[in-house]
Amino acid sequence: MPVIQLTQPFVTSHLTCPEDKPRIEYCDQLVPGLYIEVRRTAPRKGTYYLRYKNPSGKTAHQRIGQTEQISLHDARREAKQLKVQISLGHDPKGVSTPNSVSITFEDFMNQKYLPFAEQHKRSFRFDLSMSKLRLIPKFGHMPLNQLTRQQIQSFHTDLHHEGLAPATCDHHLKLVRHALNLAVDWGYLDRNPADRIKLFKVDNRVERFMTEGEQARLISVLRTDENRTVCLIALYLLCTGARLNEALNATWDQIDRTNKVWRIPASNSKSKRIRSVPLNPSAMEVLGRLGTDGNHQYLFVSSTTGDRVTTIHKVWHRIRKKAGLPKLRLHDLRHQYASLLVNNGRTLYEVQHILGHSNPVVTQRYAHLSTKALQEAAATVSLHLEPA
């Protein structure tokens, strides 16, 4: 927490949070205890707080206001007035705000957070499930301002003891943290009690790469099985490295046959960005076999109902078992596509952009596959050493 002499120009134009931190505090030299909290998720914005000791000797934080709503001069004046009251034995936290008194965790989640998440988060149904199944039964009866870090930490740990996977436990904690961050932004809380609780961060990524023989068996089944629609979907995933949801929502107006490109709109892309997927000859062959171009908006249509295909998991379980690959997931077809690119000498930069990874760190999981390219690079040194 850097201690500086705050100025209004600094507050107006230079409030930033380092990329490796979720938040930072800029402490004022002129008024000890006054600081501005800046979150990485809200650059160039901050919130004034006064840090002080309450009558029981514990450190407390009193929210003063947001930097875009109150000037530095007024924040300093308010902080000085609060310090006078504290010196006389008054605890600002002893008087709660009407919002924090009247709303419980259950009411906040049902009336405020979940309606907001439904409009802004693609993962809303997971938030809804976690809220109804565990969060509200655990914390629902509690006033929002009485939640403590210790209670949330214990809840996170207890989930693991109940047998939930570490990643699932972390999803619950992330939801609590995000919801309470919004509670702070909306004025229901002064500070987020879930801040600084550590995630388990267990790497549970599953990577299943098929051997040449396994891949041949799968392709053989996909080319001969009676359920042609599902087989063509699986082949399309294997030929493009697309995610299942992207394929099932693909429409013919996204396909550029001339340039052999599939343009996935931001609404269907996980990264929420428009991305272009190159269509190789195998993918073009799949498109040519669909028979829905000109007859339907979507690429993949059920031959039974005539509507867009929305799920294929039941049929996929049968197909993968038929191919002798009972544990092969649909998402593994995307990994297989990436492995074929890397093992044929394509760079991780190319793989990142074809797969649509917004962060190159995600693509690094395939780095260990690139032995052929590294061997060829190392072999170039021999060309210069042989004459010697």
Protein backbone atom coordinates (compact mmCIF):
# COMPACT_ATOMS: atom_id res chain seq x y z
CA MET A 1 0.00 0.00 0.00
CA PRO A 2 1.97 3.05 -1.23
CA VAL A 3 1.86 6.15 0.98
CA ILE A 4 1.82 9.31 -1.16
CA GLN A 5 0.66 12.90 -1.01
CA LEU A 6 -2.58 12.53 -2.92
CA THR A 7 -3.53 15.27 -5.36
CA GLN A 8 -6.73 15.80 -7.30
CA PRO A 9 -4.99 15.36 -10.70
CA PHE A 10 -3.59 12.02 -9.49
CA VAL A 11 -7.04 10.93 -8.31
CA THR A 12 -8.64 12.02 -11.58
CA SER A 13 -6.18 10.49 -14.04
CA HIS A 14 -3.73 8.04 -12.43
CA LEU A 15 -5.67 5.54 -10.34
CA THR A 16 -4.43 2.17 -11.58
CA CYS A 17 -4.08 -1.29 -10.09
CA PRO A 18 -1.12 -3.56 -10.95
CA GLU A 19 -2.02 -6.47 -13.23
CA ASP A 20 -0.81 -9.03 -10.67
CA LYS A 21 -3.05 -7.71 -7.86
CA PRO A 22 -6.84 -7.65 -7.45
CA ARG A 23 -6.73 -4.33 -5.55
CA ILE A 24 -4.38 -1.65 -4.25
CA GLU A 25 -4.59 1.06 -1.59
CA TYR A 26 -3.16 4.58 -2.07
CA CYS A 27 -2.68 6.04 1.42
CA ASP A 28 -2.73 9.79 1.99
CA GLN A 29 0.25 11.46 3.68
CA LEU A 30 -1.70 14.52 4.80
CA VAL A 31 -4.54 12.70 6.57
CA PRO A 32 -3.29 9.46 8.18
CA GLY A 33 -5.82 6.67 7.81
CA LEU A 34 -7.38 8.04 4.63
CA TYR A 35 -6.81 5.90 1.57
CA ILE A 36 -8.22 5.17 -1.87
CA GLU A 37 -8.97 1.57 -2.80
CA VAL A 38 -8.61 0.81 -6.52
CA ARG A 39 -9.68 -2.52 -8.00
CA ARG A 40 -8.17 -4.07 -11.10
CA THR A 41 -11.68 -4.57 -12.49
CA ALA A 42 -12.43 -0.82 -12.30
CA PRO A 43 -9.40 1.17 -13.53
CA ARG A 44 -9.30 4.94 -13.01
CA LYS A 45 -11.98 4.63 -10.35
CA GLY A 46 -11.60 4.30 -6.60
CA THR A 47 -13.30 4.51 -3.25
CA TYR A 48 -12.24 6.67 -0.30
CA TYR A 49 -11.96 4.89 3.07
CA LEU A 50 -10.83 5.84 6.55
CA ARG A 51 -8.90 3.17 8.44
CA TYR A 52 -9.18 3.45 12.23
CA LYS A 53 -9.24 1.51 15.50
CA ASN A 54 -12.68 0.88 16.96
CA PRO A 55 -13.36 0.92 20.74
CA SER A 56 -12.45 -2.78 20.99
CA GLY A 57 -9.04 -2.12 19.45
CA LYS A 58 -9.75 -3.79 16.12
CA THR A 59 -8.96 -2.19 12.78
CA ALA A 60 -12.08 -0.97 11.01
CA HIS A 61 -12.73 0.75 7.70
CA GLN A 62 -15.31 3.45 7.10
CA ARG A 63 -16.38 4.06 3.52
CA ILE A 64 -16.47 7.76 2.61
CA GLY A 65 -17.41 7.78 -1.07
CA GLN A 66 -16.35 7.08 -4.64
CA THR A 67 -13.68 9.19 -6.31
CA GLU A 68 -15.96 10.15 -9.22
CA GLN A 69 -18.62 11.41 -6.78
CA ILE A 70 -16.58 13.24 -4.15
CA SER A 71 -13.46 15.40 -4.47
CA LEU A 72 -10.22 14.75 -2.60
CA HIS A 73 -10.74 17.97 -0.64
CA ASP A 74 -14.17 16.85 0.56
CA ALA A 75 -12.91 13.34 1.34
CA ARG A 76 -10.15 14.78 3.51
CA ARG A 77 -12.62 17.02 5.30
CA GLU A 78 -14.98 14.09 5.94
CA ALA A 79 -12.07 11.95 7.17
CA LYS A 80 -10.97 14.64 9.61
CA GLN A 81 -14.52 14.97 10.98
CA LEU A 82 -14.73 11.21 11.43
CA LYS A 83 -11.38 11.19 13.26
CA VAL A 84 -12.68 13.83 15.68
CA GLN A 85 -15.78 11.71 16.39
CA ILE A 86 -13.63 8.61 16.86
CA SER A 87 -11.36 10.45 19.29
CA LEU A 88 -14.46 11.25 21.36
CA GLY A 89 -15.34 7.55 21.56
CA HIS A 90 -17.84 7.34 18.71
CA ASP A 91 -17.56 4.39 16.35
CA PRO A 92 -18.82 5.17 12.81
CA LYS A 93 -19.55 1.49 12.32
CA GLY A 94 -21.88 1.57 15.27
CA VAL A 95 -24.49 3.21 13.06
CA SER A 96 -25.29 0.91 10.14
CA THR A 97 -26.66 2.07 6.85
CA PRO A 98 -30.35 1.37 6.18
CA ASN A 99 -29.42 -0.91 3.27
CA SER A 100 -27.10 -3.12 5.31
CA VAL A 101 -29.67 -3.47 8.11
CA SER A 102 -32.68 -4.27 6.00
CA ILE A 103 -31.28 -6.84 3.57
CA THR A 104 -30.23 -10.41 4.24
CA PHE A 105 -27.89 -12.47 2.12
CA GLU A 106 -30.86 -14.38 0.69
CA ASP A 107 -32.73 -11.19 -0.22
CA PHE A 108 -29.61 -9.68 -1.76
CA MET A 109 -28.96 -12.75 -3.91
CA ASN A 110 -32.58 -13.21 -5.03
CA GLN A 111 -33.54 -9.56 -5.47
CA LYS A 112 -30.26 -7.95 -6.53
CA TYR A 113 -27.46 -10.24 -7.62
CA LEU A 114 -29.22 -13.04 -9.52
CA PRO A 115 -31.38 -10.70 -11.65
CA PHE A 116 -28.20 -8.79 -12.52
CA ALA A 117 -26.27 -11.99 -13.31
CA GLU A 118 -29.07 -13.28 -15.52
CA GLN A 119 -28.60 -10.26 -17.79
CA HIS A 120 -24.80 -10.11 -17.70
CA LYS A 121 -23.38 -13.63 -17.23
CA ARG A 122 -23.46 -16.59 -19.57
CA SER A 123 -22.82 -18.84 -16.58
CA PHE A 124 -25.95 -17.57 -14.83
CA ARG A 125 -27.53 -21.03 -14.51
CA PHE A 126 -24.44 -22.22 -12.59
CA ASP A 127 -24.67 -19.18 -10.29
CA LEU A 128 -28.34 -19.93 -9.74
CA SER A 129 -27.64 -23.59 -8.96
CA MET A 130 -24.83 -22.85 -6.50
CA SER A 131 -26.90 -20.13 -4.81
CA LYS A 132 -29.99 -22.28 -4.30
CA LEU A 133 -28.15 -25.48 -3.39
CA ARG A 134 -25.51 -24.26 -0.95
CA LEU A 135 -24.98 -20.49 -0.56
CA ILE A 136 -28.48 -19.42 0.47
CA PRO A 137 -29.05 -22.43 2.81
CA LYS A 138 -25.73 -21.54 4.49
CA PHE A 139 -25.82 -17.73 4.66
CA GLY A 140 -29.36 -16.78 3.60
CA HIS A 141 -30.65 -15.86 7.08
CA MET A 142 -27.71 -13.57 7.88
CA PRO A 143 -27.75 -9.78 7.44
CA LEU A 144 -25.34 -8.97 4.65
CA ASN A 145 -23.16 -6.74 6.85
CA GLN A 146 -22.64 -9.49 9.42
CA LEU A 147 -20.86 -11.91 7.10
CA THR A 148 -17.25 -12.45 8.20
CA ARG A 149 -14.15 -13.63 6.42
CA GLN A 150 -13.82 -16.53 8.87
CA GLN A 151 -17.34 -17.79 8.07
CA ILE A 152 -16.73 -17.69 4.33
CA GLN A 153 -13.30 -19.31 4.72
CA SER A 154 -14.81 -22.14 6.80
CA PHE A 155 -17.56 -22.63 4.24
CA HIS A 156 -14.97 -22.94 1.46
CA THR A 157 -12.97 -25.50 3.45
CA ASP A 158 -16.03 -27.48 4.54
CA LEU A 159 -17.09 -27.92 0.91
CA HIS A 160 -13.82 -29.72 0.26
CA HIS A 161 -14.31 -31.91 3.34
CA GLU A 162 -17.75 -32.84 2.01
CA GLY A 163 -16.08 -34.37 -1.01
CA LEU A 164 -16.49 -31.62 -3.60
CA ALA A 165 -13.66 -31.19 -6.07
CA PRO A 166 -11.27 -28.31 -5.27
CA ALA A 167 -12.27 -26.51 -8.48
CA THR A 168 -15.96 -26.77 -7.51
CA CYS A 169 -15.18 -25.34 -4.06
CA ASP A 170 -13.34 -22.47 -5.75
CA HIS A 171 -16.34 -21.76 -8.01
CA HIS A 172 -18.50 -21.24 -4.91
CA LEU A 173 -15.96 -18.89 -3.34
CA LYS A 174 -15.59 -16.94 -6.59
CA LEU A 175 -19.35 -16.49 -6.73
CA VAL A 176 -19.49 -15.19 -3.14
CA ARG A 177 -16.59 -12.84 -3.81
CA HIS A 178 -18.12 -11.49 -7.02
CA ALA A 179 -21.55 -11.02 -5.46
CA LEU A 180 -20.14 -9.18 -2.45
CA ASN A 181 -17.95 -7.01 -4.67
CA LEU A 182 -21.15 -5.85 -6.34
CA ALA A 183 -22.69 -5.33 -2.90
CA VAL A 184 -19.82 -2.94 -2.16
CA ASP A 185 -20.26 -1.16 -5.49
CA TRP A 186 -24.01 -0.81 -4.90
CA GLY A 187 -23.56 0.58 -1.37
CA TYR A 188 -24.79 -2.42 0.65
CA LEU A 189 -21.35 -3.08 2.17
CA ASP A 190 -18.30 -1.02 2.98
CA ARG A 191 -15.85 -3.86 2.38
CA ASN A 192 -15.92 -7.35 0.96
CA PRO A 193 -15.30 -9.99 3.66
CA ALA A 194 -14.42 -12.57 0.99
CA ASP A 195 -11.34 -10.61 -0.13
CA ARG A 196 -7.96 -12.33 0.27
CA ILE A 197 -9.43 -15.79 0.92
CA LYS A 198 -7.14 -18.11 -1.02
CA LEU A 199 -8.46 -20.45 -3.67
CA PHE A 200 -7.34 -24.07 -3.79
CA LYS A 201 -6.25 -23.54 -7.43
CA VAL A 202 -5.79 -27.24 -8.12
CA ASP A 203 -4.96 -27.91 -11.77
CA ASN A 204 -7.72 -30.32 -12.75
CA ARG A 205 -7.39 -29.97 -16.49
CA VAL A 206 -7.93 -33.26 -18.30
CA GLU A 207 -6.14 -33.74 -21.59
CA ARG A 208 -6.98 -36.84 -23.61
CA PHE A 209 -5.03 -37.20 -26.84
CA MET A 210 -5.83 -40.09 -29.16
CA THR A 211 -3.18 -42.26 -30.73
CA GLU A 212 -3.20 -42.70 -34.49
CA GLY A 213 -4.95 -46.03 -34.08
CA GLU A 214 -7.62 -44.62 -31.76
CA GLN A 215 -8.21 -41.68 -34.08
CA ALA A 216 -8.60 -44.03 -37.03
CA ARG A 217 -11.16 -46.14 -35.13
CA LEU A 218 -13.17 -43.06 -34.19
CA ILE A 219 -13.19 -41.66 -37.72
CA SER A 220 -14.26 -45.03 -39.06
CA VAL A 221 -17.27 -45.07 -36.74
CA LEU A 222 -18.11 -41.45 -37.53
CA ARG A 223 -18.15 -42.20 -41.24
CA THR A 224 -20.36 -45.28 -40.97
CA ASP A 225 -22.68 -44.94 -37.95
CA GLU A 226 -26.39 -44.60 -38.66
CA ASN A 227 -26.84 -41.31 -36.76
CA ARG A 228 -25.36 -39.12 -39.47
CA THR A 229 -26.17 -35.75 -37.88
CA VAL A 230 -24.30 -36.43 -34.64
CA CYS A 231 -21.42 -38.05 -36.53
CA LEU A 232 -21.08 -34.99 -38.78
CA ILE A 233 -21.11 -32.71 -35.73
CA ALA A 234 -18.28 -34.72 -34.15
CA LEU A 235 -16.31 -34.69 -37.41
CA TYR A 236 -16.81 -30.92 -37.67
CA LEU A 237 -15.45 -30.47 -34.14
CA LEU A 238 -12.44 -32.60 -34.97
CA CYS A 239 -11.82 -30.69 -38.23
CA THR A 240 -12.15 -27.19 -36.77
CA GLY A 241 -11.22 -27.43 -33.07
CA ALA A 242 -14.48 -25.65 -32.26
CA ARG A 243 -16.37 -25.89 -28.99
CA LEU A 244 -19.61 -27.86 -29.08
CA ASN A 245 -21.77 -24.82 -28.26
CA GLU A 246 -20.15 -22.84 -31.08
CA ALA A 247 -20.95 -25.60 -33.57
CA LEU A 248 -24.52 -26.19 -32.45
CA ASN A 249 -25.24 -22.45 -32.73
CA ALA A 250 -23.49 -22.04 -36.08
CA THR A 251 -25.62 -20.60 -38.89
CA TRP A 252 -25.05 -20.63 -42.63
CA ASP A 253 -24.64 -16.86 -42.81
CA GLN A 254 -21.47 -17.30 -40.71
CA ILE A 255 -19.91 -19.57 -43.36
CA ASP A 256 -17.83 -17.95 -46.09
CA ARG A 257 -17.40 -20.76 -48.63
CA THR A 258 -15.37 -18.59 -51.02
CA ASN A 259 -12.66 -17.75 -48.50
CA LYS A 260 -13.18 -20.95 -46.50
CA VAL A 261 -13.73 -19.14 -43.22
CA TRP A 262 -16.26 -19.59 -40.42
CA ARG A 263 -16.85 -16.33 -38.58
CA ILE A 264 -18.12 -16.97 -35.06
CA PRO A 265 -19.97 -13.95 -33.60
CA ALA A 266 -19.11 -12.63 -30.16
CA SER A 267 -22.45 -13.85 -28.83
CA ASN A 268 -21.40 -17.47 -29.47
CA SER A 269 -17.70 -17.16 -28.64
CA LYS A 270 -16.43 -17.97 -25.15
CA SER A 271 -13.97 -15.06 -25.34
CA LYS A 272 -16.90 -12.74 -26.23
CA ARG A 273 -14.98 -11.63 -29.31
CA ILE A 274 -15.61 -12.24 -32.99
CA ARG A 275 -13.21 -14.86 -34.26
CA SER A 276 -12.53 -16.46 -37.62
CA VAL A 277 -11.93 -20.19 -37.97
CA PRO A 278 -10.19 -21.40 -41.15
CA LEU A 279 -12.08 -24.24 -42.81
CA ASN A 280 -9.79 -27.00 -44.07
CA PRO A 281 -10.86 -29.43 -46.84
CA SER A 282 -12.17 -31.93 -44.27
CA ALA A 283 -14.40 -29.28 -42.69
CA MET A 284 -15.63 -28.20 -46.13
CA GLU A 285 -16.47 -31.82 -46.89
CA VAL A 286 -18.57 -32.04 -43.71
CA LEU A 287 -20.45 -28.88 -44.69
CA GLY A 288 -21.14 -30.34 -48.10
CA ARG A 289 -22.76 -33.40 -46.56
CA LEU A 290 -25.16 -31.57 -44.24
CA GLY A 291 -27.89 -30.81 -46.75
CA THR A 292 -29.25 -27.91 -44.70
CA ASP A 293 -27.79 -25.00 -46.71
CA GLY A 294 -30.72 -23.07 -48.16
CA ASN A 295 -33.23 -25.14 -46.22
CA HIS A 296 -32.51 -24.10 -42.67
CA GLN A 297 -30.85 -21.26 -40.77
CA TYR A 298 -28.60 -23.55 -38.72
CA LEU A 299 -25.93 -25.96 -39.92
CA PHE A 300 -26.88 -28.90 -37.73
CA VAL A 301 -30.57 -29.81 -37.75
CA SER A 302 -32.28 -32.87 -36.30
CA SER A 303 -33.60 -35.21 -38.99
CA THR A 304 -36.40 -36.20 -36.58
CA THR A 305 -37.74 -32.83 -35.41
CA GLY A 306 -36.45 -30.52 -38.12
CA ASP A 307 -35.18 -28.14 -35.42
CA ARG A 308 -31.66 -27.11 -34.44
CA VAL A 309 -29.73 -29.80 -32.58
CA THR A 310 -29.28 -28.74 -28.95
CA THR A 311 -27.63 -31.78 -27.33
CA ILE A 312 -25.78 -34.86 -28.58
CA HIS A 313 -24.30 -36.35 -25.42
CA LYS A 314 -26.52 -39.45 -25.26
CA VAL A 315 -25.68 -40.45 -28.84
CA TRP A 316 -22.04 -39.50 -28.33
CA HIS A 317 -21.77 -41.91 -25.39
CA ARG A 318 -22.88 -44.73 -27.69
CA ILE A 319 -20.57 -43.69 -30.52
CA ARG A 320 -17.44 -43.40 -28.40
CA LYS A 321 -18.15 -46.78 -26.80
CA LYS A 322 -18.58 -48.28 -30.27
CA ALA A 323 -15.15 -46.87 -31.19
CA GLY A 324 -13.59 -48.41 -28.07
CA LEU A 325 -13.04 -44.99 -26.47
CA PRO A 326 -15.54 -44.96 -23.56
CA LYS A 327 -13.92 -42.00 -21.78
CA LEU A 328 -13.37 -39.72 -24.76
CA ARG A 329 -15.14 -36.39 -24.22
CA LEU A 330 -16.45 -34.16 -26.98
CA HIS A 331 -14.08 -31.43 -25.78
CA ASP A 332 -11.18 -33.84 -26.32
CA LEU A 333 -11.80 -33.46 -30.06
CA ARG A 334 -10.72 -29.84 -29.67
CA HIS A 335 -7.54 -30.99 -27.86
CA GLN A 336 -6.91 -33.52 -30.62
CA TYR A 337 -7.19 -30.80 -33.26
CA ALA A 338 -4.66 -28.68 -31.35
CA SER A 339 -2.26 -31.61 -30.96
CA LEU A 340 -2.37 -32.28 -34.70
CA LEU A 341 -1.49 -28.64 -35.38
CA VAL A 342 1.41 -28.60 -32.93
CA ASN A 343 2.84 -31.96 -33.94
CA ASN A 344 2.84 -30.84 -37.56
CA GLY A 345 5.06 -27.88 -36.79
CA ARG A 346 2.53 -25.08 -36.34
CA THR A 347 3.48 -22.48 -33.75
CA LEU A 348 1.66 -21.94 -30.47
CA TYR A 349 0.84 -18.44 -31.72
CA GLU A 350 -1.02 -19.96 -34.67
CA VAL A 351 -2.76 -22.49 -32.41
CA GLN A 352 -3.83 -19.71 -30.03
CA HIS A 353 -5.52 -17.71 -32.77
CA ILE A 354 -7.15 -20.66 -34.51
CA LEU A 355 -8.61 -21.95 -31.23
CA GLY A 356 -9.59 -18.45 -30.09
CA HIS A 357 -7.68 -18.43 -26.80
CA SER A 358 -7.75 -14.90 -25.37
CA ASN A 359 -4.74 -15.68 -23.16
CA PRO A 360 -1.59 -17.37 -24.54
CA VAL A 361 -1.11 -19.10 -21.19
CA VAL A 362 -4.04 -21.37 -22.07
CA THR A 363 -2.29 -22.45 -25.26
CA GLN A 364 0.90 -23.34 -23.34
CA ARG A 365 -0.73 -26.63 -22.29
CA TYR A 366 0.16 -27.92 -25.76
CA ALA A 367 3.81 -26.86 -25.59
CA HIS A 368 5.00 -30.31 -24.48
CA LEU A 369 3.66 -31.80 -27.73
CA SER A 370 5.91 -29.72 -29.96
CA THR A 371 8.94 -32.05 -30.05
CA LYS A 372 9.24 -32.28 -33.83
CA ALA A 373 9.54 -28.51 -34.34
CA LEU A 374 12.10 -28.19 -31.53
CA GLN A 375 14.19 -31.05 -32.92
CA GLU A 376 14.19 -29.43 -36.35
CA ALA A 377 15.25 -26.12 -34.81
CA ALA A 378 18.08 -27.77 -32.87
CA ALA A 379 19.19 -29.64 -36.00
CA THR A 380 19.98 -26.35 -37.74
CA VAL A 381 22.96 -25.93 -35.41
CA SER A 382 24.49 -29.16 -36.76
CA LEU A 383 24.62 -27.65 -40.22
CA HIS A 384 27.16 -25.12 -38.92
CA LEU A 385 29.12 -27.62 -36.83
CA GLU A 386 29.56 -30.37 -39.43
CA PRO A 387 32.41 -28.61 -41.34
CA ALA A 388 34.30 -28.25 -38.08
